[in-house]
Structure formats: structure tokens, C-alpha cells
C-alpha atoms as a PDB file:
ATOM      1  CA  MET A   1      92.334 116.097 137.575  1.00  0.00           C
ATOM      2  CA  PHE A   2      95.616 114.374 138.379  1.00  0.00           C
ATOM      3  CA  GLU A   3      94.219 112.000 135.962  1.00  0.00           C
ATOM      4  CA  ILE A   4      93.661 114.660 133.284  1.00  0.00           C
ATOM      5  CA  LEU A   5      97.104 116.042 133.296  1.00  0.00           C
ATOM      6  CA  ARG A   6      98.511 112.854 133.534  1.00  0.00           C
ATOM      7  CA  LEU A   7      96.609 111.528 130.175  1.00  0.00           C
ATOM      8  CA  LEU A   8      97.896 115.352 128.961  1.00  0.00           C
ATOM      9  CA  VAL A   9     101.126 114.687 129.376  1.00  0.00           C
ATOM     10  CA  GLY A  10     100.693 110.808 127.963  1.00  0.00           C
ATOM     11  CA  THR A  11      98.965 112.223 124.795  1.00  0.00           C
ATOM     12  CA  VAL A  12     101.631 114.343 123.908  1.00  0.00           C
ATOM     13  CA  THR A  13     104.834 111.928 124.533  1.00  0.00           C
ATOM     14  CA  LEU A  14     102.830 109.560 122.599  1.00  0.00           C
ATOM     15  CA  ARG A  15     102.183 111.894 119.802  1.00  0.00           C
ATOM     16  CA  PRO A  16     105.410 114.277 119.816  1.00  0.00           C
ATOM     17  CA  TYR A  17     104.763 114.725 115.600  1.00  0.00           C
ATOM     18  CA  VAL A  18     101.015 116.354 116.096  1.00  0.00           C
ATOM     19  CA  PHE A  19     102.071 118.683 118.843  1.00  0.00           C
ATOM     20  CA  ALA A  20     105.361 119.693 116.653  1.00  0.00           C
ATOM     21  CA  PHE A  21     102.991 120.598 114.109  1.00  0.00           C
ATOM     22  CA  LEU A  22     100.733 122.085 116.844  1.00  0.00           C
ATOM     23  CA  ALA A  23     103.222 124.760 117.849  1.00  0.00           C
ATOM     24  CA  ALA A  24     104.316 125.744 114.761  1.00  0.00           C
ATOM     25  CA  TYR A  25     100.811 126.719 113.576  1.00  0.00           C
ATOM     26  CA  LEU A  26     100.338 128.369 116.885  1.00  0.00           C
ATOM     27  CA  PHE A  27     103.390 130.539 116.003  1.00  0.00           C
ATOM     28  CA  LEU A  28     102.009 131.012 112.592  1.00  0.00           C
ATOM     29  CA  ALA A  29      98.523 132.272 114.085  1.00  0.00           C
ATOM     30  CA  ILE A  30      99.808 134.064 116.762  1.00  0.00           C
ATOM     31  CA  THR A  31     101.750 135.877 114.770  1.00  0.00           C
ATOM     32  CA  LYS A  32      99.682 136.553 111.799  1.00  0.00           C
ATOM     33  CA  ILE A  33      95.859 136.705 113.381  1.00  0.00           C
ATOM     34  CA  GLY A  34      97.302 137.816 117.122  1.00  0.00           C
ATOM     35  CA  TRP A  35      96.958 136.073 119.922  1.00  0.00           C
ATOM     36  CA  ARG A  36      92.866 136.481 120.854  1.00  0.00           C
ATOM     37  CA  ARG A  37      91.847 135.599 117.472  1.00  0.00           C
ATOM     38  CA  ALA A  38      94.208 132.471 117.257  1.00  0.00           C
ATOM     39  CA  SER A  39      92.895 131.278 120.575  1.00  0.00           C
ATOM     40  CA  ILE A  40      89.339 131.694 119.110  1.00  0.00           C
ATOM     41  CA  PHE A  41      89.625 129.734 115.863  1.00  0.00           C
ATOM     42  CA  THR A  42      92.134 127.072 117.667  1.00  0.00           C
ATOM     43  CA  VAL A  43      88.524 126.402 120.276  1.00  0.00           C
ATOM     44  CA  ILE A  44      86.189 126.913 116.965  1.00  0.00           C
ATOM     45  CA  ALA A  45      88.217 123.697 115.423  1.00  0.00           C
ATOM     46  CA  TYR A  46      88.113 121.801 117.840  1.00  0.00           C
ATOM     47  CA  LEU A  47      84.660 122.081 118.744  1.00  0.00           C
ATOM     48  CA  ILE A  48      83.402 121.951 115.369  1.00  0.00           C
ATOM     49  CA  ALA A  49      86.090 118.955 114.593  1.00  0.00           C
ATOM     50  CA  PHE A  50      85.104 116.892 118.204  1.00  0.00           C
ATOM     51  CA  VAL A  51      81.289 117.476 117.142  1.00  0.00           C
ATOM     52  CA  CYS A  52      81.837 116.134 113.852  1.00  0.00           C
ATOM     53  CA  GLU A  53      83.772 112.837 114.646  1.00  0.00           C
ATOM     54  CA  TYR A  54      81.457 111.793 117.517  1.00  0.00           C
ATOM     55  CA  SER A  55      78.433 112.107 115.511  1.00  0.00           C
ATOM     56  CA  SER A  56      80.454 110.369 112.796  1.00  0.00           C
ATOM     57  CA  ILE A  57      81.164 107.203 115.495  1.00  0.00           C
ATOM     58  CA  HIS A  58      77.607 107.188 115.816  1.00  0.00           C
ATOM     59  CA  ASN A  59      75.672 108.215 112.817  1.00  0.00           C
ATOM     60  CA  GLY A  60      77.879 108.229 110.270  1.00  0.00           C
ATOM     61  CA  PHE A  61      77.752 112.321 109.389  1.00  0.00           C
ATOM     62  CA  PRO A  62      79.543 114.298 108.332  1.00  0.00           C
ATOM     63  CA  PHE A  63      83.034 111.777 107.242  1.00  0.00           C
ATOM     64  CA  GLY A  64      80.934 108.500 107.298  1.00  0.00           C
ATOM     65  CA  LEU A  65      80.976 105.521 109.545  1.00  0.00           C
ATOM     66  CA  TYR A  66      84.070 104.586 111.618  1.00  0.00           C
ATOM     67  CA  TYR A  67      84.798 103.113 114.671  1.00  0.00           C
ATOM     68  CA  TYR A  68      87.479 104.461 116.746  1.00  0.00           C
ATOM     69  CA  ILE A  69      89.871 101.143 118.626  1.00  0.00           C
ATOM     70  CA  SER A  70      90.447 102.229 122.451  1.00  0.00           C
ATOM     71  CA  GLY A  71      93.791 100.396 122.395  1.00  0.00           C
ATOM     72  CA  THR A  72      95.323 103.778 124.429  1.00  0.00           C
ATOM     73  CA  GLU A  73      92.983 105.081 126.702  1.00  0.00           C
ATOM     74  CA  LYS A  74      94.771 104.709 129.563  1.00  0.00           C
ATOM     75  CA  GLN A  75      98.170 106.060 128.184  1.00  0.00           C
ATOM     76  CA  GLU A  76      96.581 109.241 126.292  1.00  0.00           C
ATOM     77  CA  LEU A  77      93.467 111.640 126.472  1.00  0.00           C
ATOM     78  CA  TRP A  78      90.178 110.605 124.840  1.00  0.00           C
ATOM     79  CA  ILE A  79      86.762 112.570 125.091  1.00  0.00           C
ATOM     80  CA  ALA A  80      83.671 110.562 124.555  1.00  0.00           C
ATOM     81  CA  GLY A  81      84.795 107.794 122.616  1.00  0.00           C
ATOM     82  CA  VAL A  82      87.195 110.363 120.221  1.00  0.00           C
ATOM     83  CA  PRO A  83      91.236 110.480 120.711  1.00  0.00           C
ATOM     84  CA  PHE A  84      91.797 114.043 121.916  1.00  0.00           C
ATOM     85  CA  MET A  85      94.741 114.531 119.498  1.00  0.00           C
ATOM     86  CA  ASP A  86      92.485 113.893 116.712  1.00  0.00           C
ATOM     87  CA  SER A  87      90.278 116.741 116.818  1.00  0.00           C
ATOM     88  CA  LEU A  88      92.900 118.836 117.930  1.00  0.00           C
ATOM     89  CA  SER A  89      94.422 118.324 114.626  1.00  0.00           C
ATOM     90  CA  PHE A  90      91.873 120.058 112.855  1.00  0.00           C
ATOM     91  CA  THR A  91      93.057 123.523 114.498  1.00  0.00           C
ATOM     92  CA  PHE A  92      96.292 122.999 112.466  1.00  0.00           C
ATOM     93  CA  LEU A  93      94.948 121.672 109.181  1.00  0.00           C
ATOM     94  CA  SER A  94      92.188 123.991 108.512  1.00  0.00           C
ATOM     95  CA  TYR A  95      94.733 127.076 109.458  1.00  0.00           C
ATOM     96  CA  VAL A  96      96.917 125.916 106.864  1.00  0.00           C
ATOM     97  CA  SER A  97      94.323 125.239 104.426  1.00  0.00           C
ATOM     98  CA  PHE A  98      93.260 128.636 105.028  1.00  0.00           C
ATOM     99  CA  GLU A  99      96.260 130.225 104.411  1.00  0.00           C
ATOM    100  CA  MET A 100      97.483 128.150 101.561  1.00  0.00           C
ATOM    101  CA  ALA A 101      93.980 129.615 100.013  1.00  0.00           C
ATOM    102  CA  LEU A 102      94.547 133.068 100.767  1.00  0.00           C
ATOM    103  CA  LEU A 103      97.806 132.869  99.349  1.00  0.00           C
ATOM    104  CA  LEU A 104      96.799 131.493  95.885  1.00  0.00           C
ATOM    105  CA  ARG A 105      94.466 134.759  95.732  1.00  0.00           C
ATOM    106  CA  SER A 106      96.398 137.509  96.678  1.00  0.00           C
ATOM    107  CA  PRO A 107      98.060 139.390  94.418  1.00  0.00           C
ATOM    108  CA  LEU A 108     102.115 139.090  95.333  1.00  0.00           C
ATOM    109  CA  SER A 109     105.254 141.153  95.561  1.00  0.00           C
ATOM    110  CA  VAL A 110     107.977 137.966  94.575  1.00  0.00           C
ATOM    111  CA  THR A 111     111.449 138.165  94.680  1.00  0.00           C
ATOM    112  CA  LEU A 112     114.892 136.026  95.801  1.00  0.00           C
ATOM    113  CA  LYS A 113     114.835 137.936  99.314  1.00  0.00           C
ATOM    114  CA  GLU A 114     111.170 138.270 100.195  1.00  0.00           C
ATOM    115  CA  VAL A 115     107.199 136.725  99.367  1.00  0.00           C
ATOM    116  CA  LYS A 116     104.783 139.832 100.484  1.00  0.00           C
ATOM    117  CA  VAL A 117     100.972 139.865  99.813  1.00  0.00           C
ATOM    118  CA  LEU A 118     100.350 142.988  98.177  1.00  0.00           C
ATOM    119  CA  SER A 119      96.800 143.565  98.977  1.00  0.00           C
ATOM    120  CA  ASP A 120      95.942 146.318 101.220  1.00  0.00           C
ATOM    121  CA  GLU A 121      93.729 145.966 104.711  1.00  0.00           C
ATOM    122  CA  GLN A 122      90.727 146.305 102.938  1.00  0.00           C
ATOM    123  CA  THR A 123      91.238 144.242  99.896  1.00  0.00           C
ATOM    124  CA  GLU A 124      92.610 141.315 102.405  1.00  0.00           C
ATOM    125  CA  LYS A 125      89.824 141.114 104.859  1.00  0.00           C
ATOM    126  CA  LYS A 126      87.772 140.841 101.869  1.00  0.00           C
ATOM    127  CA  LEU A 127      89.328 138.097 100.710  1.00  0.00           C
ATOM    128  CA  ARG A 128      89.432 136.264 104.433  1.00  0.00           C
ATOM    129  CA  ASN A 129      85.729 136.757 104.149  1.00  0.00           C
ATOM    130  CA  SER A 130      85.124 135.426 100.869  1.00  0.00           C
ATOM    131  CA  TRP A 131      83.171 131.880 100.050  1.00  0.00           C
ATOM    132  CA  ALA A 132      85.318 131.625  97.466  1.00  0.00           C
ATOM    133  CA  THR A 133      88.424 131.418  99.514  1.00  0.00           C
ATOM    134  CA  SER A 134      86.939 128.812 102.187  1.00  0.00           C
ATOM    135  CA  LEU A 135      85.625 126.558  99.402  1.00  0.00           C
ATOM    136  CA  LEU A 136      89.318 126.840  98.371  1.00  0.00           C
ATOM    137  CA  ALA A 137      90.272 126.095 101.458  1.00  0.00           C
ATOM    138  CA  GLY A 138      88.132 123.313 102.088  1.00  0.00           C
ATOM    139  CA  LEU A 139      89.466 121.929  98.872  1.00  0.00           C
ATOM    140  CA  LEU A 140      92.962 122.292 100.251  1.00  0.00           C
ATOM    141  CA  MET A 141      91.962 120.417 103.641  1.00  0.00           C
ATOM    142  CA  MET A 142      90.949 117.759 101.344  1.00  0.00           C
ATOM    143  CA  PHE A 143      93.682 117.088  99.468  1.00  0.00           C
ATOM    144  CA  LEU A 144      95.452 116.807 103.261  1.00  0.00           C
ATOM    145  CA  ASP A 145      93.103 114.257 104.152  1.00  0.00           C
ATOM    146  CA  ILE A 146      93.102 112.133 100.727  1.00  0.00           C
ATOM    147  CA  VAL A 147      97.262 111.928 101.742  1.00  0.00           C
ATOM    148  CA  ILE A 148      96.753 111.888 105.277  1.00  0.00           C
ATOM    149  CA  ASP A 149      94.047 108.948 106.207  1.00  0.00           C
ATOM    150  CA  PRO A 150      95.237 106.304 104.088  1.00  0.00           C
ATOM    151  CA  VAL A 151      98.490 105.967 105.739  1.00  0.00           C
ATOM    152  CA  ALA A 152      96.743 106.398 108.954  1.00  0.00           C
ATOM    153  CA  LEU A 153      94.437 103.645 108.276  1.00  0.00           C
ATOM    154  CA  GLN A 154      97.670 102.011 108.533  1.00  0.00           C
ATOM    155  CA  GLY A 155      98.965 103.211 111.714  1.00  0.00           C
ATOM    156  CA  GLU A 156      99.915  99.554 113.423  1.00  0.00           C
ATOM    157  CA  ARG A 157     102.466  99.568 110.656  1.00  0.00           C
ATOM    158  CA  TRP A 158     103.828 102.566 112.253  1.00  0.00           C
ATOM    159  CA  PHE A 159     104.162 104.428 115.657  1.00  0.00           C
ATOM    160  CA  LEU A 160     100.518 106.146 114.961  1.00  0.00           C
ATOM    161  CA  GLY A 161      99.214 102.512 116.398  1.00  0.00           C
ATOM    162  CA  LYS A 162      95.733 101.277 115.053  1.00  0.00           C
ATOM    163  CA  LEU A 163      93.535 103.843 115.579  1.00  0.00           C
ATOM    164  CA  TYR A 164      90.614 103.440 113.722  1.00  0.00           C
ATOM    165  CA  TYR A 165      88.457 101.820 110.946  1.00  0.00           C
ATOM    166  CA  TYR A 166      85.868 101.361 108.337  1.00  0.00           C
ATOM    167  CA  PRO A 167      83.134  98.418 109.054  1.00  0.00           C
ATOM    168  CA  ASN A 168      82.140  98.622 105.452  1.00  0.00           C
ATOM    169  CA  GLY A 169      85.761  99.493 103.757  1.00  0.00           C
ATOM    170  CA  GLY A 170      86.898 101.912 101.569  1.00  0.00           C
ATOM    171  CA  GLN A 171      87.252 103.480  98.192  1.00  0.00           C
ATOM    172  CA  TYR A 172      90.610 104.621  97.891  1.00  0.00           C
ATOM    173  CA  PHE A 173      92.878 102.553 100.309  1.00  0.00           C
ATOM    174  CA  GLY A 174      90.265 101.766 102.556  1.00  0.00           C
ATOM    175  CA  ILE A 175      89.125 104.970 102.769  1.00  0.00           C
ATOM    176  CA  THR A 176      85.571 106.101 101.864  1.00  0.00           C
ATOM    177  CA  ILE A 177      84.454 109.154  99.776  1.00  0.00           C
ATOM    178  CA  ALA A 178      82.230 110.206 102.813  1.00  0.00           C
ATOM    179  CA  ASN A 179      85.367 110.816 104.671  1.00  0.00           C
ATOM    180  CA  PHE A 180      86.494 113.400 101.600  1.00  0.00           C
ATOM    181  CA  ALA A 181      83.195 114.842 101.198  1.00  0.00           C
ATOM    182  CA  GLY A 182      83.294 115.399 105.554  1.00  0.00           C
ATOM    183  CA  TRP A 183      86.585 117.172 105.992  1.00  0.00           C
ATOM    184  CA  PHE A 184      85.846 119.403 103.111  1.00  0.00           C
ATOM    185  CA  PHE A 185      82.820 120.367 104.783  1.00  0.00           C
ATOM    186  CA  VAL A 186      84.299 120.425 108.486  1.00  0.00           C
ATOM    187  CA  CYS A 187      87.084 122.905 106.691  1.00  0.00           C
ATOM    188  CA  VAL A 188      84.186 124.687 105.334  1.00  0.00           C
ATOM    189  CA  LEU A 189      82.332 125.041 108.620  1.00  0.00           C
ATOM    190  CA  ILE A 190      85.009 126.172 110.826  1.00  0.00           C
ATOM    191  CA  LEU A 191      86.111 128.820 108.547  1.00  0.00           C
ATOM    192  CA  ARG A 192      82.764 130.139 108.314  1.00  0.00           C
ATOM    193  CA  VAL A 193      81.863 130.220 112.096  1.00  0.00           C
ATOM    194  CA  TYR A 194      85.188 132.018 112.872  1.00  0.00           C
ATOM    195  CA  ILE A 195      84.675 134.672 109.969  1.00  0.00           C
ATOM    196  CA  PHE A 196      81.162 134.995 111.732  1.00  0.00           C
ATOM    197  CA  ILE A 197      82.722 135.008 114.998  1.00  0.00           C
ATOM    198  CA  GLU A 198      85.761 137.252 114.200  1.00  0.00           C
ATOM    199  CA  LYS A 199      83.554 140.159 113.419  1.00  0.00           C
ATOM    200  CA  MET A 200      82.610 141.023 116.849  1.00  0.00           C
ATOM    201  CA  VAL A 201      86.372 140.961 117.988  1.00  0.00           C
ATOM    202  CA  VAL A 202      87.850 143.656 118.889  1.00  0.00           C
ATOM    203  CA  LYS A 203      91.275 144.012 116.371  1.00  0.00           C
ATOM    204  CA  GLU A 204      94.379 143.603 118.400  1.00  0.00           C
ATOM    205  CA  THR A 205      98.056 143.645 117.681  1.00  0.00           C
ATOM    206  CA  ALA A 206      99.470 141.620 120.543  1.00  0.00           C
ATOM    207  CA  GLY A 207     101.870 138.888 119.402  1.00  0.00           C
ATOM    208  CA  ILE A 208     101.298 140.004 115.258  1.00  0.00           C
ATOM    209  CA  LEU A 209     105.264 139.727 114.023  1.00  0.00           C
ATOM    210  CA  ASN A 210     106.810 140.190 111.046  1.00  0.00           C
ATOM    211  CA  TYR A 211     109.631 138.226 109.512  1.00  0.00           C
ATOM    212  CA  PRO A 212     111.386 137.258 106.572  1.00  0.00           C
ATOM    213  CA  PHE A 213     108.784 135.103 104.168  1.00  0.00           C
ATOM    214  CA  LYS A 214     105.996 135.510 106.778  1.00  0.00           C
ATOM    215  CA  ALA A 215     103.444 135.292 103.625  1.00  0.00           C
ATOM    216  CA  LEU A 216     104.684 131.611 102.785  1.00  0.00           C
ATOM    217  CA  ALA A 217     105.170 130.171 106.046  1.00  0.00           C
ATOM    218  CA  PRO A 218     101.535 128.414 106.251  1.00  0.00           C
ATOM    219  CA  ALA A 219     102.508 126.753 102.645  1.00  0.00           C
ATOM    220  CA  GLY A 220     105.975 125.660 104.303  1.00  0.00           C
ATOM    221  CA  LEU A 221     103.928 124.092 106.939  1.00  0.00           C
ATOM    222  CA  TYR A 222     101.271 122.720 104.316  1.00  0.00           C
ATOM    223  CA  PHE A 223     104.013 120.975 102.222  1.00  0.00           C
ATOM    224  CA  GLY A 224     105.648 119.772 105.813  1.00  0.00           C
ATOM    225  CA  ILE A 225     102.799 117.799 107.014  1.00  0.00           C
ATOM    226  CA  LEU A 226     102.174 116.317 103.195  1.00  0.00           C
ATOM    227  CA  LEU A 227     105.931 115.439 103.248  1.00  0.00           C
ATOM    228  CA  PHE A 228     105.542 113.479 106.727  1.00  0.00           C
ATOM    229  CA  ASN A 229     102.652 111.439 105.795  1.00  0.00           C
ATOM    230  CA  VAL A 230     104.456 110.848 102.437  1.00  0.00           C
ATOM    231  CA  THR A 231     107.373 109.517 103.808  1.00  0.00           C
ATOM    232  CA  MET A 232     105.743 107.336 106.419  1.00  0.00           C
ATOM    233  CA  THR A 233     103.834 105.808 103.349  1.00  0.00           C
ATOM    234  CA  PHE A 234     107.025 104.695 101.824  1.00  0.00           C
ATOM    235  CA  LEU A 235     108.329 103.792 104.605  1.00  0.00           C
ATOM    236  CA  ILE A 236     105.658 101.309 105.248  1.00  0.00           C
ATOM    237  CA  GLY A 237     106.252  99.750 102.112  1.00  0.00           C
ATOM    238  CA  GLU A 238     103.370 101.033 100.376  1.00  0.00           C
ATOM    239  CA  GLU A 239     104.589 102.492  97.048  1.00  0.00           C
ATOM    240  CA  THR A 240     101.254 102.649  95.085  1.00  0.00           C
ATOM    241  CA  MET A 241      99.860 104.632  97.920  1.00  0.00           C
ATOM    242  CA  GLY A 242     102.810 106.432  98.148  1.00  0.00           C
ATOM    243  CA  TRP A 243     103.360 107.400  94.431  1.00  0.00           C
ATOM    244  CA  ALA A 244      99.597 108.575  94.483  1.00  0.00           C
ATOM    245  CA  SER A 245     100.220 110.579  97.575  1.00  0.00           C
ATOM    246  CA  THR A 246     103.072 112.177  95.764  1.00  0.00           C
ATOM    247  CA  PHE A 247     101.495 112.887  92.845  1.00  0.00           C
ATOM    248  CA  ILE A 248      98.740 114.763  94.476  1.00  0.00           C
ATOM    249  CA  THR A 249     101.425 116.878  96.619  1.00  0.00           C
ATOM    250  CA  THR A 250     103.305 117.275  93.260  1.00  0.00           C
ATOM    251  CA  LEU A 251     100.310 119.057  91.750  1.00  0.00           C
ATOM    252  CA  LEU A 252      99.395 121.326  94.756  1.00  0.00           C
ATOM    253  CA  ILE A 253     103.598 122.484  94.944  1.00  0.00           C
ATOM    254  CA  LEU A 254     102.660 123.473  90.978  1.00  0.00           C
ATOM    255  CA  LEU A 255      99.599 124.914  91.968  1.00  0.00           C
ATOM    256  CA  LEU A 256     101.824 127.365  94.601  1.00  0.00           C
ATOM    257  CA  VAL A 257     104.848 127.891  91.957  1.00  0.00           C
ATOM    258  CA  LEU A 258     102.627 128.740  89.062  1.00  0.00           C
ATOM    259  CA  HIS A 259     101.013 131.545  91.101  1.00  0.00           C
ATOM    260  CA  LEU A 260     103.983 132.610  92.447  1.00  0.00           C
ATOM    261  CA  SER A 261     105.344 132.745  88.999  1.00  0.00           C
ATOM    262  CA  TYR A 262     102.127 134.474  87.484  1.00  0.00           C
ATOM    263  CA  CYS A 263     102.907 137.179  90.079  1.00  0.00           C
ATOM    264  CA  ARG A 264     106.569 137.719  89.533  1.00  0.00           C
ATOM    265  CA  GLN A 265     105.729 138.048  85.708  1.00  0.00           C
ATOM    266  CA  ILE A 266     102.916 140.391  86.312  1.00  0.00           C
ATOM    267  CA  ALA A 267     105.011 143.054  88.381  1.00  0.00           C
ATOM    268  CA  LEU A 268     108.012 142.783  85.644  1.00  0.00           C
ATOM    269  CA  LEU A 269     105.629 143.697  83.528  1.00  0.00           C
ATOM    270  CA  GLU A 270     104.114 146.361  85.252  1.00  0.00           C
ATOM    271  CA  THR A 271     107.578 147.498  85.886  1.00  0.00           C
ATOM    272  CA  LEU A 272     108.224 147.239  81.743  1.00  0.00           C
ATOM    273  CA  LEU A 273     105.409 149.161  81.211  1.00  0.00           C
ATOM    274  CA  ARG A 274     106.420 152.456  83.759  1.00  0.00           C
ATOM    275  CA  ASN A 275     109.759 152.446  82.602  1.00  0.00           C
ATOM    276  CA  LYS A 276     108.302 153.077  78.976  1.00  0.00           C
ATOM    277  CA  SER A 277     106.021 155.611  80.382  1.00  0.00           C
END
């Protein structure tokens, strides 16, 4: 038990950025869906991610065949050949992708002082449970991976460290196309399992809080993760990779800005029509 605690502490000290993102995710999830649902989502996301990573390093499904390099097993927690922090990261990556998908599919009230979702409780529940939202979230998480994994593969050139490799190389800066498809699949699987289980959970309000720009907060974390990885890409001197990741990030920002602008214009048009009538 002491050894596990020592390795957990080592994981936090060795990967502080992962746990900074995790802490931000927990705040966002708890204040949005409550302690119970946030806990359930975290457990589901971690377990599914772990099983999929364990499967991939043994038979190549769903991320394609790759291998972890066990150079830090005495410094941080590994479980059955998989770094604990790696599977844990899927919790916040899948959650922010889910919330981003909801944001992009929801009608919004947009002002300089606040951004709020206009859907009533029933409509929001329908959006959260829909396959369209899950599939869009899968795409958004795949775009995260397209930015994250190429620089992670170069981990020996920054403080991440060399963690893994593909025995047969990859088509996109060393990353396989199967890996991107795997991230899409795993995100959708996490969300569909969570949505199925969530229906059996009694609704609670413990932990739920309101604060300014709450609707935009998950998008802030989503783009914060992208910005961190784009920055590391340029810092290690990978300019071509960095500009490719910048292009993807810019398109995603533009997608959000266009949705906010559309919702703002619709609100102004409705106000104008009401005034005329």
C-alpha cells in the first residue's frame, strides 16, 4: 500500500500538468453535473481508456499497435504495463469534448457579460443523450489527439519523456491513422456507456454551482489543452508540426466563434421582430 501511495505521489510530481488539467475538469464536471455523476463519468472514462490501451499494446485494437517504454515504472504508477496518468487523461479529454459538442449544438444567449444555454431541461437532456452529440464529441476528441500525440511522441525532447513508440511508424508525424480513429471510437464508447448508466442515477444538486460564463468554461479547458500542446510543439523546434496543429486549432476556434455569432444574430433578429410587432 505504501508503495502504491509513493508511486501516486510520484505520478503527480512527475506529471503536474496532467493533474492541473484533471483538477480543472473535476471543477467543471462537479459544478455542472454534481459529485455523483462526475465520479461515475471519471470511473467509466478511466476504465474504458485503460482496457482499450491494454488491448492496443497487445493486439492493436483500437489505437493500432504501439508499445510503452517502461522507463518510469519506479517513479510513477503503472498498471499492467499502462501508465496510470495516460488512461486518466481520457477523463478530462472526453468530458471537454462532450461539453464542446453540446455547446456547438445548443441555442445560446450571447452578450458581452454572459453566455448562457437557452435550452430547457428536457431539450438539454435530449441533446446530451443524442448520438449526434456523441459522434460530434468523438470528432472533437480526435482533433485533440491530432494535436497531442505527435508532440507526445517526441516526449524525450521535453519534460514528458519518451513514453511510447509505433513499431511500424505512422503516417502523420509518426502517428498512425488507426490511432486517430481509436480516439474517436473510445470517446463515443465512453459517452454512450455513461449516458446509459446516468439514466439509472438519481438526480442530485450537490456540488452544482453557477458562475459567469459557465457555458463557455469547458471550451476554455478544451482550447487550453490545445494551446499547451501547440506551445510545446514549437518549443521543441517542430515548426511544420506546430503550424499544422495551429491550423487545426484555429479552425476549431473559428467553429466556436461562428456558432456564438450565429446565436447572437438570431437573438438580435428575434428582438427586432418582437419590437416591430
